Amino acid sequence: MPIAIDAGKLEYISSVGLRILLKFTKEQSGTQLTVQDVSSEVYEIFETTGFLQILDVTETDIVMLRGKFLTPSSQLELA
C-alpha cells in the first residue's frame, strides 16, 4: 500500500526527521513512500543527503508523469 506525505507546510527537515523516514523505509520494505509538495529548500536537503535515491520526492508545483517533471503550464498541454 503506497503512502504519501504532504510536506507543503514543511520549511525544514532535521537529521531526526530524515532518520525517521529512513527507519520507516527500512521497516516497511515494499511500501512505496512518496513525499509530495516539498519546498525547494527541503528538496535540496533531500538531494544533498541522498534521500532522492531512497524516496519518491516531488517539489512544489512540479508533478511527475511518466518519469518527466512537468510544470502546471505544461500539464495543461497534456490534458
N, C-alpha and C. Protein backbone atom coordinates (compact mmCIF):
# COMPACT_ATOMS: atom_id res chain seq x y z
N MET A 1 0.85 -1.18 0.00
CA MET A 1 0.00 0.00 0.00
C MET A 1 0.89 1.24 0.00
N PRO A 2 0.78 2.10 -1.01
CA PRO A 2 1.61 3.30 -1.06
C PRO A 2 1.18 4.32 -0.01
N ILE A 3 2.15 5.08 0.48
CA ILE A 3 1.89 6.12 1.48
C ILE A 3 2.46 7.42 0.95
N ALA A 4 1.66 8.49 1.03
CA ALA A 4 2.10 9.81 0.58
C ALA A 4 2.11 10.76 1.76
N ILE A 5 3.19 11.53 1.88
CA ILE A 5 3.30 12.55 2.91
C ILE A 5 3.21 13.91 2.23
N ASP A 6 2.26 14.73 2.69
CA ASP A 6 2.12 16.09 2.17
C ASP A 6 3.05 16.98 2.99
N ALA A 7 4.12 17.46 2.36
CA ALA A 7 5.12 18.28 3.06
C ALA A 7 4.99 19.75 2.66
N GLY A 8 3.82 20.16 2.24
CA GLY A 8 3.61 21.51 1.76
C GLY A 8 3.91 22.59 2.78
N LYS A 9 3.74 22.28 4.06
CA LYS A 9 3.98 23.28 5.11
C LYS A 9 5.34 23.08 5.78
N LEU A 10 6.09 22.12 5.31
CA LEU A 10 7.40 21.83 5.90
C LEU A 10 8.44 22.81 5.38
N GLU A 11 9.07 23.54 6.29
CA GLU A 11 10.08 24.52 5.89
C GLU A 11 11.49 23.97 6.03
N TYR A 12 11.68 22.94 6.85
CA TYR A 12 13.00 22.39 7.13
C TYR A 12 12.82 20.96 7.62
N ILE A 13 13.77 20.11 7.34
CA ILE A 13 13.75 18.76 7.90
C ILE A 13 15.12 18.51 8.53
N SER A 14 15.11 18.13 9.79
CA SER A 14 16.35 17.90 10.53
C SER A 14 16.84 16.48 10.32
N SER A 15 18.00 16.20 10.88
CA SER A 15 18.54 14.84 10.79
C SER A 15 17.63 13.84 11.51
N VAL A 16 16.92 14.29 12.53
CA VAL A 16 15.98 13.41 13.22
C VAL A 16 14.83 13.02 12.29
N GLY A 17 14.31 14.00 11.55
CA GLY A 17 13.23 13.72 10.59
C GLY A 17 13.70 12.79 9.49
N LEU A 18 14.91 13.02 9.00
CA LEU A 18 15.47 12.15 7.97
C LEU A 18 15.64 10.73 8.50
N ARG A 19 16.09 10.61 9.73
CA ARG A 19 16.29 9.30 10.35
C ARG A 19 14.96 8.55 10.48
N ILE A 20 13.90 9.27 10.83
CA ILE A 20 12.58 8.64 10.94
C ILE A 20 12.12 8.11 9.58
N LEU A 21 12.30 8.92 8.54
CA LEU A 21 11.92 8.47 7.19
C LEU A 21 12.75 7.26 6.76
N LEU A 22 14.04 7.29 7.06
CA LEU A 22 14.91 6.17 6.70
C LEU A 22 14.50 4.90 7.44
N LYS A 23 14.22 5.03 8.74
CA LYS A 23 13.80 3.88 9.54
C LYS A 23 12.48 3.31 9.00
N PHE A 24 11.56 4.19 8.64
CA PHE A 24 10.28 3.74 8.10
C PHE A 24 10.48 2.94 6.81
N THR A 25 11.31 3.47 5.91
CA THR A 25 11.50 2.78 4.63
C THR A 25 12.18 1.42 4.83
N LYS A 26 13.04 1.31 5.82
CA LYS A 26 13.68 0.02 6.09
C LYS A 26 12.70 -0.97 6.71
N GLU A 27 11.89 -0.50 7.66
CA GLU A 27 10.95 -1.37 8.35
C GLU A 27 9.77 -1.77 7.46
N GLN A 28 9.39 -0.91 6.54
CA GLN A 28 8.24 -1.15 5.67
C GLN A 28 8.68 -1.43 4.25
N SER A 29 9.69 -2.25 4.09
CA SER A 29 10.17 -2.53 2.73
C SER A 29 9.02 -3.06 1.89
N GLY A 30 8.97 -2.58 0.67
CA GLY A 30 7.88 -2.96 -0.22
C GLY A 30 6.78 -1.91 -0.26
N THR A 31 6.76 -1.01 0.73
CA THR A 31 5.79 0.06 0.75
C THR A 31 6.38 1.28 0.08
N GLN A 32 5.71 1.81 -0.92
CA GLN A 32 6.20 2.99 -1.62
C GLN A 32 5.87 4.22 -0.81
N LEU A 33 6.89 4.99 -0.43
CA LEU A 33 6.72 6.23 0.33
C LEU A 33 7.01 7.41 -0.59
N THR A 34 6.04 8.30 -0.71
CA THR A 34 6.17 9.49 -1.53
C THR A 34 6.07 10.72 -0.65
N VAL A 35 6.98 11.65 -0.82
CA VAL A 35 6.92 12.93 -0.11
C VAL A 35 6.58 13.98 -1.16
N GLN A 36 5.40 14.58 -1.02
CA GLN A 36 4.87 15.48 -2.05
C GLN A 36 4.92 16.93 -1.61
N ASP A 37 4.99 17.81 -2.58
CA ASP A 37 4.84 19.25 -2.38
C ASP A 37 5.92 19.83 -1.46
N VAL A 38 7.16 19.39 -1.62
CA VAL A 38 8.24 19.93 -0.79
C VAL A 38 8.76 21.24 -1.36
N SER A 39 9.20 22.12 -0.48
CA SER A 39 9.78 23.39 -0.92
C SER A 39 11.15 23.12 -1.54
N SER A 40 11.67 24.12 -2.24
CA SER A 40 12.98 23.94 -2.85
C SER A 40 14.06 23.75 -1.80
N GLU A 41 13.90 24.36 -0.62
CA GLU A 41 14.88 24.20 0.46
C GLU A 41 14.89 22.78 0.99
N VAL A 42 13.72 22.21 1.21
CA VAL A 42 13.63 20.83 1.70
C VAL A 42 14.09 19.87 0.61
N TYR A 43 13.75 20.15 -0.64
CA TYR A 43 14.19 19.31 -1.74
C TYR A 43 15.72 19.26 -1.79
N GLU A 44 16.34 20.42 -1.56
CA GLU A 44 17.80 20.49 -1.57
C GLU A 44 18.40 19.63 -0.44
N ILE A 45 17.75 19.61 0.71
CA ILE A 45 18.21 18.76 1.81
C ILE A 45 18.12 17.29 1.41
N PHE A 46 17.00 16.89 0.81
CA PHE A 46 16.85 15.51 0.34
C PHE A 46 17.92 15.18 -0.70
N GLU A 47 18.20 16.13 -1.58
CA GLU A 47 19.19 15.91 -2.63
C GLU A 47 20.59 15.77 -2.05
N THR A 48 20.95 16.67 -1.15
CA THR A 48 22.28 16.68 -0.55
C THR A 48 22.55 15.42 0.27
N THR A 49 21.53 14.94 0.96
CA THR A 49 21.70 13.77 1.83
C THR A 49 21.53 12.45 1.11
N GLY A 50 21.16 12.49 -0.18
CA GLY A 50 20.99 11.26 -0.94
C GLY A 50 19.62 10.62 -0.81
N PHE A 51 18.69 11.31 -0.16
CA PHE A 51 17.36 10.74 0.04
C PHE A 51 16.54 10.68 -1.24
N LEU A 52 16.95 11.40 -2.28
CA LEU A 52 16.24 11.29 -3.55
C LEU A 52 16.42 9.90 -4.16
N GLN A 53 17.46 9.19 -3.74
CA GLN A 53 17.70 7.82 -4.20
C GLN A 53 16.81 6.83 -3.45
N ILE A 54 16.30 7.25 -2.29
CA ILE A 54 15.53 6.35 -1.41
C ILE A 54 14.03 6.60 -1.52
N LEU A 55 13.65 7.88 -1.62
CA LEU A 55 12.25 8.27 -1.59
C LEU A 55 11.82 8.86 -2.93
N ASP A 56 10.53 8.81 -3.17
CA ASP A 56 9.93 9.49 -4.32
C ASP A 56 9.55 10.88 -3.81
N VAL A 57 10.25 11.93 -4.26
CA VAL A 57 10.05 13.28 -3.76
C VAL A 57 9.67 14.19 -4.92
N THR A 58 8.60 14.99 -4.73
CA THR A 58 8.21 15.96 -5.75
C THR A 58 8.19 17.34 -5.13
N GLU A 59 8.74 18.30 -5.87
CA GLU A 59 8.78 19.69 -5.41
C GLU A 59 7.43 20.35 -5.59
N THR A 60 7.24 21.47 -4.91
CA THR A 60 6.05 22.28 -5.05
C THR A 60 5.86 22.68 -6.50
N ASP A 61 4.63 22.59 -6.98
CA ASP A 61 4.27 22.98 -8.34
C ASP A 61 4.95 22.16 -9.43
N ILE A 62 5.45 20.98 -9.09
CA ILE A 62 6.02 20.09 -10.10
C ILE A 62 5.37 18.72 -9.93
N VAL A 63 4.99 18.13 -11.01
CA VAL A 63 4.33 16.83 -10.97
C VAL A 63 5.16 15.85 -11.79
N MET A 64 5.26 14.63 -11.29
CA MET A 64 6.00 13.59 -12.01
C MET A 64 5.00 12.80 -12.85
N LEU A 65 5.24 12.73 -14.14
CA LEU A 65 4.37 11.98 -15.03
C LEU A 65 5.23 11.20 -16.01
N ARG A 66 5.18 9.89 -15.91
CA ARG A 66 5.96 9.02 -16.79
C ARG A 66 7.44 9.38 -16.77
N GLY A 67 7.96 9.67 -15.57
CA GLY A 67 9.38 9.93 -15.44
C GLY A 67 9.83 11.31 -15.85
N LYS A 68 8.89 12.21 -16.15
CA LYS A 68 9.25 13.56 -16.56
C LYS A 68 8.64 14.56 -15.59
N PHE A 69 9.41 15.58 -15.22
CA PHE A 69 8.89 16.63 -14.39
C PHE A 69 8.16 17.64 -15.26
N LEU A 70 6.95 17.98 -14.86
CA LEU A 70 6.14 18.92 -15.63
C LEU A 70 5.69 20.05 -14.73
N THR A 71 5.73 21.27 -15.24
CA THR A 71 5.21 22.41 -14.51
C THR A 71 3.70 22.47 -14.76
N PRO A 72 2.95 23.21 -13.94
CA PRO A 72 1.50 23.30 -14.16
C PRO A 72 1.12 23.75 -15.57
N SER A 73 1.87 24.66 -16.19
CA SER A 73 1.53 25.12 -17.53
C SER A 73 1.68 24.02 -18.56
N SER A 74 2.70 23.15 -18.41
CA SER A 74 2.86 22.08 -19.37
C SER A 74 1.85 20.96 -19.14
N GLN A 75 1.28 20.89 -17.94
CA GLN A 75 0.23 19.90 -17.69
C GLN A 75 -1.00 20.21 -18.51
N LEU A 76 -1.28 21.50 -18.69
CA LEU A 76 -2.46 21.90 -19.46
C LEU A 76 -2.35 21.40 -20.91
N GLU A 77 -1.16 21.37 -21.43
CA GLU A 77 -0.95 20.92 -22.80
C GLU A 77 -1.27 19.43 -22.94
N LEU A 78 -1.07 18.66 -21.85
CA LEU A 78 -1.31 17.23 -21.90
C LEU A 78 -2.79 16.88 -21.78
N ALA A 79 -3.58 17.75 -21.18
CA ALA A 79 -4.99 17.45 -20.90
C ALA A 79 -5.83 17.37 -22.13
